Amino acid sequence: MRAFDPVKTVSGTAVALPGDDIDTDRIIPARFLKAVTFDELGGQLFFDERFDESGRTKGHPLDEPARANASVLVAGVNFGCGSSREHAPRALARAGFRAVVAGSFAEIFFGNATGVGLPCLSLEHDDLRELTAAVLADPALEVNVDVEALRVSAGGRSYAARMPESARSVLVAGTYDPLSELLQGLDQTLLVAARLGHGARE
């Protein structure tokens, strides 16, 4: 039994957020961490950078109408640094992003993102710069993220990407969440439980 669908490829339009060291406090401000569930986090993504104190938009790239349905986020180096919080990748996923492409990722953010099925692929500097420029220039540009082959393609160009094999393999197999391992062993667990219970009754 598999708990989650495999994540082999992600295709869609993209939002580019140029700049390095985008930390988790910017991704999801601390005051939103009190939520009991993650359901509302999508609307709170980058909240302080998107809205002023009156709730008016600041014209953030996430709020451009042409990028409303983007599923790929393109960022710089050391994305997800700062405070350790699972809410950051959860907020990205709830906002509709299904992959992040950057120069590099903070280790804890990367692990949390993998655990929720959000693949994070790294590109070399020049490739990332070219992809970022292409995304900024064309809101309709489709970006293909091939997790299985570790390739990112857009506008007729294809770039070699990096990701630890430990993350790539569980995403492709659909076993990225520890719950999946428990569910895979559910049938055997129930058999053992039934056998133990039967023995106890005797």
Protein backbone atom coordinates (compact mmCIF):
# COMPACT_ATOMS: atom_id res chain seq x y z
CA MET A 1 0.00 0.00 0.00
CA ARG A 2 1.37 3.46 -0.89
CA ALA A 3 0.38 6.46 1.23
CA PHE A 4 1.18 9.17 -1.29
CA ASP A 5 1.42 9.62 -5.04
CA PRO A 6 4.91 9.62 -6.54
CA VAL A 7 6.36 13.02 -7.46
CA LYS A 8 8.22 12.44 -10.72
CA THR A 9 7.56 15.59 -12.74
CA VAL A 10 6.02 19.00 -12.15
CA SER A 11 4.99 21.28 -15.01
CA GLY A 12 3.44 24.72 -14.97
CA THR A 13 4.03 28.43 -15.00
CA ALA A 14 6.38 29.96 -12.47
CA VAL A 15 6.99 32.86 -10.12
CA ALA A 16 10.56 34.13 -9.75
CA LEU A 17 11.72 35.72 -6.51
CA PRO A 18 15.26 36.91 -7.25
CA GLY A 19 17.57 37.28 -4.28
CA ASP A 20 19.46 35.09 -1.86
CA ASP A 21 18.81 34.09 1.75
CA ILE A 22 15.01 34.18 1.62
CA ASP A 23 14.29 32.93 5.11
CA THR A 24 11.36 31.12 6.65
CA ASP A 25 10.26 34.23 8.59
CA ARG A 26 9.64 35.91 5.26
CA ILE A 27 8.01 32.83 3.76
CA ILE A 28 5.52 32.52 6.64
CA PRO A 29 5.61 35.15 9.44
CA ALA A 30 5.80 33.78 12.96
CA ARG A 31 2.36 35.02 14.03
CA PHE A 32 0.75 32.55 11.62
CA LEU A 33 2.37 29.54 13.27
CA LYS A 34 -0.41 29.31 15.86
CA ALA A 35 -2.76 27.66 13.39
CA VAL A 36 -4.10 24.27 14.47
CA THR A 37 -4.10 23.05 10.86
CA PHE A 38 -2.17 24.12 7.77
CA ASP A 39 -5.31 24.87 5.74
CA GLU A 40 -5.06 28.68 5.74
CA LEU A 41 -1.31 28.97 5.27
CA GLY A 42 -1.47 29.44 1.50
CA GLY A 43 -3.04 32.86 1.82
CA GLN A 44 -0.45 33.87 4.42
CA LEU A 45 2.57 33.04 2.26
CA PHE A 46 5.02 35.98 2.19
CA PHE A 47 2.24 37.98 3.85
CA ASP A 48 4.32 40.89 5.15
CA GLU A 49 6.03 41.33 1.80
CA ARG A 50 2.75 41.19 -0.10
CA PHE A 51 0.47 43.40 2.01
CA ASP A 52 0.74 46.62 3.98
CA GLU A 53 -0.77 47.19 7.44
CA SER A 54 -4.16 47.93 5.86
CA GLY A 55 -4.13 44.70 3.87
CA ARG A 56 -3.53 46.45 0.57
CA THR A 57 -1.30 44.67 -1.92
CA LYS A 58 2.24 45.92 -2.41
CA GLY A 59 2.44 44.49 -5.92
CA HIS A 60 4.37 41.38 -4.96
CA PRO A 61 5.08 38.92 -7.82
CA LEU A 62 2.80 36.35 -6.16
CA ASP A 63 -0.12 38.71 -6.65
CA GLU A 64 0.36 39.38 -10.34
CA PRO A 65 -2.83 38.15 -12.04
CA ALA A 66 -0.83 36.52 -14.84
CA ARG A 67 0.93 34.32 -12.29
CA ALA A 68 -2.11 33.35 -10.26
CA ASN A 69 -1.89 29.64 -11.07
CA ALA A 70 1.89 29.23 -10.96
CA SER A 71 3.10 25.88 -9.63
CA VAL A 72 6.89 26.39 -9.71
CA LEU A 73 8.80 28.86 -7.53
CA VAL A 74 12.23 30.04 -8.70
CA ALA A 75 14.48 31.62 -6.08
CA GLY A 76 18.15 32.29 -5.25
CA VAL A 77 20.79 30.79 -2.99
CA ASN A 78 20.13 29.48 0.53
CA PHE A 79 16.37 29.47 0.17
CA GLY A 80 14.50 28.60 3.37
CA CYS A 81 17.21 29.63 5.81
CA GLY A 82 16.45 30.99 9.27
CA SER A 83 14.00 29.54 11.75
CA SER A 84 13.17 25.87 11.53
CA ARG A 85 9.48 25.54 10.76
CA GLU A 86 7.51 22.98 8.83
CA HIS A 87 4.97 25.71 8.10
CA ALA A 88 7.20 27.23 5.40
CA PRO A 89 7.01 24.39 2.85
CA ARG A 90 3.43 23.73 3.94
CA ALA A 91 2.52 27.33 3.07
CA LEU A 92 4.15 27.01 -0.35
CA ALA A 93 2.28 23.80 -1.04
CA ARG A 94 -1.04 25.23 0.15
CA ALA A 95 -0.51 28.21 -2.16
CA GLY A 96 -0.30 25.81 -5.11
CA PHE A 97 3.44 25.46 -5.56
CA ARG A 98 4.49 21.93 -6.41
CA ALA A 99 8.24 22.47 -6.86
CA VAL A 100 10.95 24.96 -5.94
CA VAL A 101 14.03 25.61 -8.07
CA ALA A 102 16.88 27.58 -6.49
CA GLY A 103 20.63 27.87 -6.23
CA SER A 104 20.66 26.00 -2.92
CA PHE A 105 18.45 25.30 0.08
CA ALA A 106 18.80 25.46 3.84
CA GLU A 107 19.12 21.90 5.10
CA ILE A 108 16.17 21.85 7.49
CA PHE A 109 13.85 23.53 4.99
CA PHE A 110 14.90 21.02 2.36
CA GLY A 111 14.11 18.11 4.66
CA ASN A 112 10.74 19.54 5.64
CA ALA A 113 9.87 20.23 2.01
CA THR A 114 10.76 16.70 0.98
CA GLY A 115 8.60 15.36 3.79
CA VAL A 116 5.52 17.09 2.37
CA GLY A 117 6.24 16.07 -1.22
CA LEU A 118 7.56 19.45 -2.38
CA PRO A 119 10.66 18.77 -4.51
CA CYS A 120 13.50 21.27 -4.23
CA LEU A 121 16.01 21.18 -7.08
CA SER A 122 19.23 23.20 -7.28
CA LEU A 123 20.74 24.72 -10.43
CA GLU A 124 24.18 26.10 -11.18
CA HIS A 125 24.50 29.88 -10.95
CA ASP A 126 24.46 30.69 -14.66
CA ASP A 127 21.62 28.27 -15.37
CA LEU A 128 19.55 29.68 -12.53
CA ARG A 129 20.18 33.23 -13.71
CA GLU A 130 19.04 32.33 -17.23
CA LEU A 131 15.93 30.54 -15.98
CA THR A 132 15.05 33.42 -13.65
CA ALA A 133 15.34 35.95 -16.46
CA ALA A 134 13.13 33.82 -18.71
CA VAL A 135 10.45 33.46 -16.02
CA LEU A 136 10.48 37.19 -15.25
CA ALA A 137 10.12 38.01 -18.93
CA ASP A 138 7.22 35.68 -19.68
CA PRO A 139 4.47 34.89 -17.14
CA ALA A 140 3.10 32.24 -19.53
CA LEU A 141 6.40 30.35 -19.78
CA GLU A 142 5.97 26.71 -18.81
CA VAL A 143 8.67 25.24 -16.61
CA ASN A 144 9.10 21.49 -16.42
CA VAL A 145 10.77 20.04 -13.34
CA ASP A 146 11.79 16.43 -13.88
CA VAL A 147 12.54 15.01 -10.45
CA GLU A 148 13.29 11.55 -11.76
CA ALA A 149 15.84 12.72 -14.36
CA LEU A 150 17.01 15.77 -12.38
CA ARG A 151 16.38 18.21 -15.23
CA VAL A 152 14.65 21.60 -15.36
CA SER A 153 13.42 22.74 -18.77
CA ALA A 154 11.83 25.95 -20.04
CA GLY A 155 11.70 27.87 -23.29
CA GLY A 156 13.57 25.25 -25.25
CA ARG A 157 16.46 25.12 -22.74
CA SER A 158 17.22 22.24 -20.40
CA TYR A 159 19.36 22.44 -17.28
CA ALA A 160 20.97 19.75 -15.15
CA ALA A 161 19.69 19.94 -11.59
CA ARG A 162 20.93 18.62 -8.26
CA MET A 163 19.14 16.85 -5.43
CA PRO A 164 20.41 14.31 -2.89
CA GLU A 165 19.56 10.79 -4.01
CA SER A 166 17.96 10.11 -0.64
CA ALA A 167 15.35 12.79 -1.41
CA ARG A 168 14.95 12.03 -5.10
CA SER A 169 14.31 8.33 -4.50
CA VAL A 170 11.56 8.79 -1.89
CA LEU A 171 9.80 11.47 -3.96
CA VAL A 172 9.81 9.30 -7.07
CA ALA A 173 8.63 6.28 -5.09
CA GLY A 174 5.95 8.20 -3.19
CA THR A 175 7.43 7.28 0.20
CA TYR A 176 8.55 10.75 1.25
CA ASP A 177 6.36 10.91 4.35
CA PRO A 178 7.07 8.53 7.28
CA LEU A 179 3.35 7.78 7.36
CA SER A 180 3.77 5.97 4.06
CA GLU A 181 6.07 3.43 5.69
CA LEU A 182 3.52 2.77 8.41
CA LEU A 183 0.75 2.31 5.85
CA GLN A 184 2.89 -0.02 3.76
CA GLY A 185 3.16 -2.32 6.74
CA LEU A 186 -0.48 -1.98 7.79
CA ASP A 187 -1.67 -5.36 6.48
CA GLN A 188 1.15 -7.22 8.21
CA THR A 189 0.57 -5.25 11.40
CA LEU A 190 -3.10 -6.16 11.42
CA LEU A 191 -2.27 -9.83 10.88
CA VAL A 192 0.16 -9.84 13.78
CA ALA A 193 -2.30 -7.96 15.99
CA ALA A 194 -5.06 -10.45 15.15
CA ARG A 195 -2.77 -13.38 15.86
CA LEU A 196 -1.65 -11.96 19.20
CA GLY A 197 -5.20 -11.15 20.16
CA HIS A 198 -6.39 -14.64 19.26
CA GLY A 199 -3.60 -16.20 21.27
CA ALA A 200 -4.45 -14.05 24.28
CA ARG A 201 -8.09 -15.13 24.17
CA GLU A 202 -7.04 -18.77 24.24
